[in-house]
Amino acid sequence: MPRFARVSSGVEQPPKRPIDEAFLSVGLAIPSVMLPSPGADYTRWAVVACDQYTSEPQYWERVDRFVGRAPSTLRLILPECYLGADDQARREERILASMEELLERGALTERAPALVLVKRSTPRAQARWGIVASIDLERYDYSPGAKSLVRASEGTIVERLPPRMSVRRRAPIELPHIMVLYDDPGQTVAQPLIEAAESLPSLYDFDLMMGGGHLSGYEVSSGDLLERTAAALTRLADPARFRERHGAGSDVLLFAVGDGNHSLAAARAVWEETKRSARASALHPARFALVELTNLHDPGLIFEPIHRVVFGAGGELREALGASSRFRVGGALDFAALAREVRDPGAQGRFGVVGADSCRLAQANGPGLTVGTLQSFLDEFLSGHPRARIDYIHGEEVVERICRAGDSVGFLLPPIDKGEIFRAVVRDGVLPRKTFSMGEANEKRFYVEARRIR
């Protein structure tokens, strides 16, 4: 746990150890992670990010049956498919009680400060590498137009923060599903760690549940490797180099939040509360949030579009879509042909409209990202149809399955070039919310490490 000395401003100052100062200068801290004590079944311990399978409660029911009574992060998170449910408050209380129970019986072991090098394999990628670190919430801003070192890549819906804040402000520990991107085409940050992986202490090595692939973690505590990592990040954050790539006047964007931005935004909001509190102690772990840093240029990082499904207003929505001057809706296609047309990299502005009995190819008129034009239309439609609701879906086949089963309309979105993410955020500010997904649902981050925040 990072130690701080109290100062009159109420913001605690970091220790003066050179390596800690080096990481803090790039918005990071070296965490003391907590892992299950020896003998734990990691396959049952680790579950996928809570914001996945939001329209498929049956997925989480299968996970519950698989986990059984074994210690599991399933008991420490609130899957978002249950947000707004009648028993949400009871679920939150059970989460907090489960955290306290794990700590009381010593089921989690806190390790000495170190980074964690993570290797993830999935059904589509042989290896995707990441680095688990603590990000400094003082350097993060999710506001549109932010110029901070750490920024959101997509729009933040502030109405989604209270449930996350409710748990975090009372929780003794945090578990990260947040993935933060950095733009390192030369592979200067992670590659020295990857090359040293076989000589690093192994923290875990196991198969993930539910087709999630395989996960390995390595402890990075060597002074030499930590110094090389900090130096590489410092070079990426050099203002002159950054402006050379992104244009004069560009404020340095070192980290863009790829997954879990609402959880990070909630952590920032809780930190602001803690910072203002008269009860704030000389230790402030709440200033930081545990994340996985991932290079935008990692070959194993596959970007996917996030599709939309609107429930409860099928006929009215299709009518409004056809009447809008923002779109042209074409003739019927079978689903497979529609998906191919939308994925065509040479086609601009295309998206698919999926219903229970027909699929149609649509074209967005005018400039700008297709997802932004469509999302603006859907926001306006939903504001006038309060009984309708929208969900954001990973995977084409899930959209087809949901829409074939009821009064809903699905929208297949085209892929986005991941190489454009940083340039777009620097140039335009945050992208439209739910613009992209870092992989399919089963490729998302699984909860493994924990960290004390109280």
Protein backbone atom coordinates (compact mmCIF):
# COMPACT_ATOMS: atom_id res chain seq x y z
CA MET A 1 0.00 0.00 0.00
CA PRO A 2 1.55 3.37 -0.92
CA ARG A 3 2.38 5.52 2.13
CA PHE A 4 1.85 9.25 2.17
CA ALA A 5 2.82 12.12 4.45
CA ARG A 6 0.07 14.56 5.38
CA VAL A 7 0.31 18.11 4.01
CA SER A 8 -1.83 21.13 4.69
CA SER A 9 -3.66 21.02 1.35
CA GLY A 10 -5.37 17.78 2.33
CA VAL A 11 -3.83 15.96 -0.66
CA GLU A 12 -1.32 13.39 0.55
CA GLN A 13 2.15 13.43 -0.92
CA PRO A 14 3.88 10.28 -2.23
CA PRO A 15 7.05 8.80 -0.78
CA LYS A 16 10.38 10.05 -2.04
CA ARG A 17 11.83 6.74 -3.22
CA PRO A 18 13.16 7.48 -6.75
CA ILE A 19 11.31 4.64 -8.49
CA ASP A 20 8.02 5.68 -6.86
CA GLU A 21 8.62 9.27 -7.98
CA ALA A 22 9.38 8.08 -11.51
CA PHE A 23 6.11 6.17 -11.76
CA LEU A 24 4.10 8.95 -10.15
CA SER A 25 5.43 11.39 -12.74
CA VAL A 26 3.64 9.32 -15.41
CA GLY A 27 0.44 8.91 -13.39
CA LEU A 28 1.11 5.49 -11.87
CA ALA A 29 2.02 3.75 -8.63
CA ILE A 30 3.44 0.29 -7.94
CA PRO A 31 0.66 -1.67 -6.19
CA SER A 32 0.64 -4.24 -3.42
CA VAL A 33 -1.77 -6.69 -4.99
CA MET A 34 -3.76 -9.29 -3.11
CA LEU A 35 -4.19 -12.79 -4.51
CA PRO A 36 -6.02 -15.90 -3.29
CA SER A 37 -4.07 -17.78 -0.69
CA PRO A 38 -2.33 -21.03 -1.72
CA GLY A 39 -4.63 -23.86 -2.69
CA ALA A 40 -7.35 -21.69 -4.24
CA ASP A 41 -9.06 -22.82 -7.45
CA TYR A 42 -8.21 -19.91 -9.74
CA THR A 43 -10.55 -21.12 -12.48
CA ARG A 44 -13.49 -20.64 -10.11
CA TRP A 45 -11.98 -17.52 -8.54
CA ALA A 46 -11.70 -15.47 -11.77
CA VAL A 47 -14.87 -14.27 -13.53
CA VAL A 48 -15.32 -11.94 -16.48
CA ALA A 49 -15.95 -8.19 -16.21
CA CYS A 50 -19.30 -7.25 -14.67
CA ASP A 51 -20.37 -5.20 -17.71
CA GLN A 52 -20.49 -8.22 -20.02
CA TYR A 53 -23.50 -10.41 -20.94
CA THR A 54 -25.85 -7.68 -19.74
CA SER A 55 -28.80 -9.09 -21.69
CA GLU A 56 -27.92 -12.70 -20.92
CA PRO A 57 -28.61 -13.41 -17.23
CA GLN A 58 -28.41 -17.09 -18.09
CA TYR A 59 -24.65 -16.65 -18.57
CA TRP A 60 -24.27 -15.44 -14.98
CA GLU A 61 -26.56 -18.22 -13.75
CA ARG A 62 -24.23 -20.77 -15.38
CA VAL A 63 -21.25 -19.09 -13.73
CA ASP A 64 -23.01 -19.27 -10.37
CA ARG A 65 -23.63 -23.00 -10.76
CA PHE A 66 -20.02 -23.59 -11.84
CA VAL A 67 -18.55 -21.62 -8.94
CA GLY A 68 -20.71 -23.26 -6.31
CA ARG A 69 -19.36 -22.62 -2.81
CA ALA A 70 -15.76 -22.03 -3.89
CA PRO A 71 -14.16 -18.64 -3.20
CA SER A 72 -14.85 -16.52 -6.28
CA THR A 73 -14.80 -12.94 -7.46
CA LEU A 74 -18.40 -13.59 -8.53
CA ARG A 75 -19.31 -12.87 -4.89
CA LEU A 76 -17.35 -9.59 -4.97
CA ILE A 77 -18.94 -7.89 -8.00
CA LEU A 78 -22.40 -6.87 -9.21
CA PRO A 79 -23.01 -8.14 -12.75
CA GLU A 80 -24.69 -5.30 -14.61
CA CYS A 81 -27.54 -7.47 -15.79
CA TYR A 82 -28.82 -7.09 -12.20
CA LEU A 83 -28.56 -3.29 -12.06
CA GLY A 84 -31.97 -1.89 -11.26
CA ALA A 85 -33.29 -5.23 -10.01
CA ASP A 86 -35.49 -5.30 -6.91
CA ASP A 87 -32.76 -7.03 -4.93
CA GLN A 88 -29.88 -4.77 -6.01
CA ALA A 89 -29.40 -3.31 -2.51
CA ARG A 90 -29.27 -6.80 -0.99
CA ARG A 91 -26.73 -7.87 -3.59
CA GLU A 92 -24.52 -4.89 -2.72
CA GLU A 93 -24.64 -5.77 0.97
CA ARG A 94 -23.71 -9.39 0.21
CA ILE A 95 -20.73 -8.16 -1.85
CA LEU A 96 -19.43 -6.06 1.04
CA ALA A 97 -19.97 -8.90 3.52
CA SER A 98 -18.12 -11.34 1.24
CA MET A 99 -15.14 -8.98 1.00
CA GLU A 100 -14.95 -8.64 4.77
CA GLU A 101 -15.24 -12.40 5.23
CA LEU A 102 -12.37 -13.11 2.82
CA LEU A 103 -10.13 -10.68 4.68
CA GLU A 104 -11.11 -11.96 8.11
CA ARG A 105 -10.30 -15.58 7.33
CA GLY A 106 -7.08 -14.79 5.48
CA ALA A 107 -8.25 -16.02 2.09
CA LEU A 108 -6.34 -13.20 0.37
CA THR A 109 -2.60 -12.69 0.65
CA GLU A 110 -1.14 -9.23 0.18
CA ARG A 111 2.17 -9.21 -1.68
CA ALA A 112 5.05 -6.77 -1.63
CA PRO A 113 4.82 -3.84 -4.09
CA ALA A 114 5.28 -5.02 -7.68
CA LEU A 115 3.83 -4.72 -11.13
CA VAL A 116 2.12 -7.79 -12.57
CA LEU A 117 2.89 -8.81 -16.14
CA VAL A 118 -0.20 -10.52 -17.55
CA LYS A 119 -0.32 -12.90 -20.52
CA ARG A 120 -3.81 -13.67 -21.82
CA SER A 121 -4.64 -16.15 -24.55
CA THR A 122 -8.11 -16.31 -26.06
CA PRO A 123 -9.79 -18.43 -28.72
CA ARG A 124 -8.70 -15.77 -31.26
CA ALA A 125 -5.37 -14.50 -29.90
CA GLN A 126 -2.35 -16.54 -28.88
CA ALA A 127 -1.08 -13.82 -26.55
CA ARG A 128 -2.21 -10.42 -25.32
CA TRP A 129 0.13 -8.80 -22.82
CA GLY A 130 -0.73 -6.32 -20.10
CA ILE A 131 0.78 -4.71 -17.00
CA VAL A 132 -1.23 -4.43 -13.78
CA ALA A 133 -0.47 -1.14 -12.02
CA SER A 134 -2.24 1.51 -9.96
CA ILE A 135 -3.29 4.64 -11.83
CA ASP A 136 -3.26 8.01 -10.12
CA LEU A 137 -6.81 9.37 -10.09
CA GLU A 138 -5.41 12.89 -9.67
CA ARG A 139 -4.17 12.62 -13.28
CA TYR A 140 -7.46 11.31 -14.73
CA ASP A 141 -10.36 13.35 -16.12
CA TYR A 142 -13.35 11.88 -17.95
CA SER A 143 -14.86 15.24 -18.94
CA PRO A 144 -15.33 15.94 -22.68
CA GLY A 145 -12.41 18.03 -23.90
CA ALA A 146 -10.16 16.99 -21.00
CA LYS A 147 -6.42 17.65 -21.40
CA SER A 148 -5.22 15.39 -18.59
CA LEU A 149 -2.54 12.70 -18.83
CA VAL A 150 -5.23 10.01 -18.37
CA ARG A 151 -8.54 10.45 -20.22
CA ALA A 152 -11.66 8.58 -21.16
CA SER A 153 -11.74 7.46 -24.78
CA GLU A 154 -15.56 7.41 -24.88
CA GLY A 155 -18.37 9.43 -23.35
CA THR A 156 -19.16 8.85 -19.67
CA ILE A 157 -22.79 8.56 -18.56
CA VAL A 158 -22.73 10.13 -15.10
CA GLU A 159 -26.07 8.52 -14.22
CA ARG A 160 -24.29 5.15 -14.26
CA LEU A 161 -21.81 6.11 -11.54
CA PRO A 162 -23.92 5.99 -8.30
CA PRO A 163 -24.26 2.16 -8.09
CA ARG A 164 -20.51 1.76 -8.52
CA MET A 165 -19.79 4.51 -6.03
CA SER A 166 -22.17 2.97 -3.52
CA VAL A 167 -20.07 -0.19 -3.37
CA ARG A 168 -16.63 1.39 -3.70
CA ARG A 169 -17.00 3.99 -0.93
CA ARG A 170 -17.72 1.17 1.57
CA ALA A 171 -15.56 -1.59 0.13
CA PRO A 172 -12.30 -2.64 1.80
CA ILE A 173 -10.81 -3.88 -1.49
CA GLU A 174 -11.10 -3.28 -5.22
CA LEU A 175 -10.89 -5.71 -8.12
CA PRO A 176 -10.05 -4.34 -11.57
CA HIS A 177 -11.66 -5.02 -14.91
CA ILE A 178 -10.39 -1.65 -16.17
CA MET A 179 -8.10 -1.80 -19.20
CA VAL A 180 -6.13 1.33 -20.03
CA LEU A 181 -4.47 1.83 -23.41
CA TYR A 182 -1.11 3.40 -24.17
CA ASP A 183 0.19 4.20 -27.66
CA ASP A 184 3.57 2.49 -28.08
CA PRO A 185 4.17 1.40 -31.69
CA GLY A 186 7.81 0.59 -30.88
CA GLN A 187 6.79 -1.87 -28.11
CA THR A 188 9.26 -0.14 -25.76
CA VAL A 189 7.28 -0.53 -22.52
CA ALA A 190 6.20 -4.16 -22.36
CA GLN A 191 8.76 -5.90 -24.55
CA PRO A 192 11.60 -5.97 -21.96
CA LEU A 193 9.17 -7.50 -19.47
CA ILE A 194 7.90 -10.04 -22.01
CA GLU A 195 11.46 -11.08 -22.83
CA ALA A 196 12.14 -11.57 -19.11
CA ALA A 197 8.86 -13.39 -18.37
CA GLU A 198 10.34 -16.89 -18.11
CA SER A 199 12.72 -15.74 -15.38
CA LEU A 200 10.08 -13.83 -13.37
CA PRO A 201 8.26 -15.35 -10.37
CA SER A 202 4.99 -16.94 -11.50
CA LEU A 203 1.92 -15.69 -9.62
CA TYR A 204 -0.71 -17.77 -11.40
CA ASP A 205 -1.17 -19.88 -14.53
CA PHE A 206 -4.61 -21.34 -15.22
CA ASP A 207 -7.49 -21.87 -17.63
CA LEU A 208 -10.33 -19.37 -17.45
CA MET A 209 -13.95 -20.50 -17.18
CA MET A 210 -16.63 -20.29 -19.86
CA GLY A 211 -14.31 -20.33 -22.87
CA GLY A 212 -12.26 -17.36 -21.67
CA GLY A 213 -8.89 -18.84 -22.65
CA HIS A 214 -5.81 -18.97 -20.44
CA LEU A 215 -4.19 -16.49 -18.05
CA SER A 216 -0.68 -16.23 -16.63
CA GLY A 217 0.70 -13.62 -14.26
CA TYR A 218 4.32 -12.76 -13.42
CA GLU A 219 5.67 -10.58 -10.62
CA VAL A 220 7.81 -7.63 -11.72
CA SER A 221 9.73 -6.35 -8.69
CA SER A 222 13.29 -6.16 -10.05
CA GLY A 223 14.66 -2.64 -9.74
CA ASP A 224 16.18 -2.79 -13.22
CA LEU A 225 12.92 -3.82 -14.91
CA LEU A 226 10.90 -1.26 -12.96
CA GLU A 227 13.33 1.47 -13.94
CA ARG A 228 13.21 0.46 -17.61
CA THR A 229 9.43 0.46 -17.55
CA ALA A 230 9.25 3.91 -15.95
CA ALA A 231 11.84 5.26 -18.40
CA ALA A 232 9.93 3.94 -21.43
CA LEU A 233 6.68 5.51 -20.21
CA THR A 234 8.50 8.77 -19.52
CA ARG A 235 9.71 8.83 -23.13
CA LEU A 236 6.15 8.25 -24.38
CA ALA A 237 5.00 11.16 -22.22
CA ASP A 238 7.64 13.56 -23.53
CA PRO A 239 5.67 16.61 -24.78
CA ALA A 240 7.93 17.27 -27.78
CA ARG A 241 7.72 13.67 -29.01
CA PHE A 242 3.98 13.59 -28.45
CA ARG A 243 3.36 16.79 -30.39
CA GLU A 244 5.56 15.54 -33.20
CA ARG A 245 3.13 12.65 -33.64
CA HIS A 246 -0.15 14.39 -32.92
CA GLY A 247 0.35 18.02 -33.89
CA ALA A 248 1.42 21.29 -32.32
CA GLY A 249 -0.48 22.29 -29.21
CA SER A 250 -1.54 18.74 -28.34
CA ASP A 251 -1.57 18.07 -24.60
CA VAL A 252 0.05 14.76 -23.75
CA LEU A 253 -2.38 11.84 -23.62
CA LEU A 254 -0.39 8.96 -22.15
CA PHE A 255 -3.28 6.70 -21.12
CA ALA A 256 -6.74 6.37 -22.69
CA VAL A 257 -9.29 4.25 -20.83
CA GLY A 258 -10.40 1.44 -23.12
CA ASP A 259 -12.60 -0.73 -20.86
CA GLY A 260 -14.18 0.04 -17.50
CA ASN A 261 -14.31 3.83 -17.78
CA HIS A 262 -17.43 4.08 -15.60
CA SER A 263 -15.72 2.09 -12.85
CA LEU A 264 -12.68 4.37 -13.06
CA ALA A 265 -14.92 7.46 -13.05
CA ALA A 266 -16.65 6.15 -9.93
CA ALA A 267 -13.26 5.60 -8.30
CA ARG A 268 -12.33 9.20 -9.10
CA ALA A 269 -15.59 10.48 -7.60
CA VAL A 270 -15.06 8.47 -4.41
CA TRP A 271 -11.49 9.74 -4.17
CA GLU A 272 -12.79 13.31 -4.37
CA GLU A 273 -15.12 12.54 -1.45
CA THR A 274 -12.28 10.97 0.53
CA LYS A 275 -9.96 13.87 -0.16
CA ARG A 276 -12.50 16.33 1.22
CA SER A 277 -13.30 14.24 4.28
CA ALA A 278 -12.12 15.42 7.68
CA ARG A 279 -11.59 11.73 8.51
CA ALA A 280 -8.96 11.26 5.81
CA SER A 281 -5.98 9.44 7.30
CA ALA A 282 -2.30 9.67 6.44
CA LEU A 283 -2.78 6.69 4.09
CA HIS A 284 -4.67 7.26 0.92
CA PRO A 285 -4.98 4.10 -1.18
CA ALA A 286 -8.24 5.56 -2.55
CA ARG A 287 -6.18 8.00 -4.62
CA PHE A 288 -5.28 5.10 -6.91
CA ALA A 289 -7.20 2.48 -8.88
CA LEU A 290 -5.89 -0.88 -10.02
CA VAL A 291 -5.90 -1.26 -13.82
CA GLU A 292 -4.33 -3.30 -16.59
CA LEU A 293 -2.20 -1.27 -19.01
CA THR A 294 -2.29 -2.59 -22.58
CA ASN A 295 -0.38 -1.39 -25.61
CA LEU A 296 -2.73 -0.24 -28.37
CA HIS A 297 -0.37 -1.95 -30.84
CA ASP A 298 -0.28 -5.36 -29.12
CA PRO A 299 -1.05 -7.89 -31.90
CA GLY A 300 -3.32 -9.80 -29.53
CA LEU A 301 -5.55 -6.78 -28.90
CA ILE A 302 -8.49 -7.08 -31.29
CA PHE A 303 -10.96 -4.23 -31.55
CA GLU A 304 -14.62 -4.99 -32.24
CA PRO A 305 -17.65 -2.77 -32.73
CA ILE A 306 -20.28 -2.61 -30.00
CA HIS A 307 -23.73 -3.27 -31.38
CA ARG A 308 -27.06 -1.94 -30.12
CA VAL A 309 -30.42 -3.55 -29.38
CA VAL A 310 -33.51 -1.49 -28.53
CA PHE A 311 -36.30 -3.31 -26.71
CA GLY A 312 -39.97 -2.48 -26.51
CA ALA A 313 -40.54 -0.23 -29.54
CA GLY A 314 -39.84 -2.33 -32.62
CA GLY A 315 -42.42 -1.01 -35.08
CA GLU A 316 -42.13 2.62 -34.02
CA LEU A 317 -38.34 2.55 -34.17
CA ARG A 318 -38.24 1.05 -37.65
CA GLU A 319 -40.74 3.66 -38.82
CA ALA A 320 -38.71 6.51 -37.31
CA LEU A 321 -35.51 5.15 -38.86
CA GLY A 322 -37.08 4.99 -42.32
CA ALA A 323 -38.44 8.53 -42.00
CA SER A 324 -35.16 10.09 -40.84
CA SER A 325 -33.17 12.16 -43.32
CA ARG A 326 -29.99 10.94 -41.62
CA PHE A 327 -30.26 7.44 -43.08
CA ARG A 328 -31.13 5.45 -46.19
CA VAL A 329 -32.53 1.98 -45.50
CA GLY A 330 -32.20 -0.66 -48.20
CA GLY A 331 -33.89 -3.93 -49.03
CA ALA A 332 -33.96 -7.17 -47.07
CA LEU A 333 -30.91 -9.44 -46.75
CA ASP A 334 -30.25 -12.63 -44.85
CA PHE A 335 -28.27 -12.09 -41.63
CA ALA A 336 -24.99 -13.57 -42.88
CA ALA A 337 -24.99 -11.33 -45.96
CA LEU A 338 -25.86 -8.30 -43.84
CA ALA A 339 -22.95 -8.96 -41.48
CA ARG A 340 -20.53 -9.27 -44.43
CA GLU A 341 -21.71 -5.95 -45.88
CA VAL A 342 -21.30 -4.14 -42.58
CA ARG A 343 -17.81 -5.58 -42.02
CA ASP A 344 -16.61 -4.53 -45.50
CA PRO A 345 -13.66 -2.19 -44.79
CA GLY A 346 -14.23 -0.33 -48.06
CA ALA A 347 -17.77 0.69 -47.14
CA GLN A 348 -18.26 3.94 -45.26
CA GLY A 349 -21.30 4.74 -43.16
CA ARG A 350 -22.96 1.33 -43.35
CA PHE A 351 -24.75 -0.42 -40.51
CA GLY A 352 -27.26 -3.26 -40.21
CA VAL A 353 -30.83 -3.19 -38.93
CA VAL A 354 -31.96 -6.55 -37.50
CA GLY A 355 -35.56 -7.43 -36.65
CA ALA A 356 -37.51 -10.57 -35.86
CA ASP A 357 -38.50 -11.13 -39.48
CA SER A 358 -36.07 -9.10 -41.63
CA CYS A 359 -32.56 -7.70 -41.87
CA ARG A 360 -31.74 -4.53 -43.81
CA LEU A 361 -28.60 -2.63 -44.74
CA ALA A 362 -28.68 1.07 -43.88
CA GLN A 363 -26.44 3.97 -44.82
CA ALA A 364 -25.70 6.98 -42.61
CA ASN A 365 -25.67 10.25 -44.54
CA GLY A 366 -23.07 12.92 -43.92
CA PRO A 367 -19.61 12.97 -42.30
CA GLY A 368 -18.58 11.64 -38.91
CA LEU A 369 -18.44 8.22 -37.32
CA THR A 370 -21.40 5.98 -38.14
CA VAL A 371 -21.76 5.06 -34.49
CA GLY A 372 -22.04 8.73 -33.51
CA THR A 373 -24.78 9.46 -36.06
CA LEU A 374 -26.76 6.39 -35.04
CA GLN A 375 -26.32 6.96 -31.30
CA SER A 376 -27.57 10.54 -31.59
CA PHE A 377 -30.69 9.31 -33.40
CA LEU A 378 -31.29 6.56 -30.84
CA ASP A 379 -30.86 8.96 -27.91
CA GLU A 380 -33.51 11.26 -29.39
CA PHE A 381 -35.86 8.35 -30.05
CA LEU A 382 -35.49 6.93 -26.55
CA SER A 383 -36.10 10.31 -24.94
CA GLY A 384 -39.54 10.30 -26.57
CA HIS A 385 -40.26 6.63 -25.80
CA PRO A 386 -39.58 6.14 -22.09
CA ARG A 387 -40.85 2.55 -22.09
CA ALA A 388 -38.21 1.49 -24.59
CA ARG A 389 -34.69 0.62 -23.44
CA ILE A 390 -31.33 0.09 -25.10
CA ASP A 391 -28.55 -2.41 -24.47
CA TYR A 392 -25.03 -2.59 -25.87
CA ILE A 393 -24.09 -5.99 -27.23
CA HIS A 394 -20.81 -7.75 -27.99
CA GLY A 395 -21.01 -10.22 -30.87
CA GLU A 396 -23.08 -10.34 -34.03
CA GLU A 397 -24.58 -13.71 -33.21
CA VAL A 398 -25.91 -12.38 -29.88
CA VAL A 399 -27.73 -9.56 -31.70
CA GLU A 400 -29.31 -12.05 -34.09
CA ARG A 401 -30.39 -14.37 -31.27
CA ILE A 402 -31.93 -11.59 -29.17
CA CYS A 403 -33.76 -9.96 -32.07
CA ARG A 404 -35.22 -13.19 -33.40
CA ALA A 405 -36.84 -13.82 -30.04
CA GLY A 406 -38.97 -10.71 -29.47
CA ASP A 407 -40.09 -7.16 -30.17
CA SER A 408 -36.64 -5.62 -30.50
CA VAL A 409 -34.51 -3.97 -33.16
CA GLY A 410 -30.78 -4.61 -33.40
CA PHE A 411 -28.12 -2.48 -35.03
CA LEU A 412 -24.90 -4.03 -36.35
CA LEU A 413 -22.04 -1.51 -36.34
CA PRO A 414 -18.95 -1.54 -38.54
CA PRO A 415 -15.44 -2.14 -37.13
CA ILE A 416 -13.21 0.75 -36.09
CA ASP A 417 -9.49 1.13 -36.82
CA LYS A 418 -7.74 0.89 -33.44
CA GLY A 419 -4.82 2.92 -34.77
CA GLU A 420 -7.12 5.95 -34.93
CA ILE A 421 -8.18 5.89 -31.26
CA PHE A 422 -5.54 8.19 -29.79
CA ARG A 423 -5.62 10.58 -32.73
CA ALA A 424 -9.40 10.84 -32.48
CA VAL A 425 -9.37 11.50 -28.72
CA VAL A 426 -6.63 14.13 -29.08
CA ARG A 427 -8.41 15.79 -32.02
CA ASP A 428 -12.09 15.48 -31.09
CA GLY A 429 -12.20 14.73 -27.37
CA VAL A 430 -14.12 11.67 -26.22
CA LEU A 431 -15.65 9.40 -28.83
CA PRO A 432 -19.37 8.54 -28.78
CA ARG A 433 -20.07 6.15 -25.94
CA LYS A 434 -19.76 2.46 -26.70
CA THR A 435 -17.83 3.13 -29.91
CA PHE A 436 -15.60 0.07 -29.69
CA SER A 437 -14.92 -3.06 -27.70
CA MET A 438 -11.51 -4.52 -26.96
CA GLY A 439 -12.41 -8.03 -28.07
CA GLU A 440 -15.55 -10.11 -27.72
CA ALA A 441 -17.25 -10.61 -24.37
CA ASN A 442 -15.27 -13.74 -23.42
CA GLU A 443 -12.01 -11.91 -24.24
CA LYS A 444 -12.59 -9.17 -21.67
CA ARG A 445 -10.54 -8.88 -18.53
CA PHE A 446 -11.26 -11.41 -15.79
CA TYR A 447 -11.03 -10.35 -12.15
CA VAL A 448 -7.97 -11.86 -10.44
CA GLU A 449 -5.92 -9.34 -8.44
CA ALA A 450 -7.35 -7.27 -5.62
CA ARG A 451 -5.99 -4.25 -3.72
CA ARG A 452 -6.82 -2.59 -0.41
CA ILE A 453 -8.56 0.76 -0.83
CA ARG A 454 -9.54 1.47 2.77
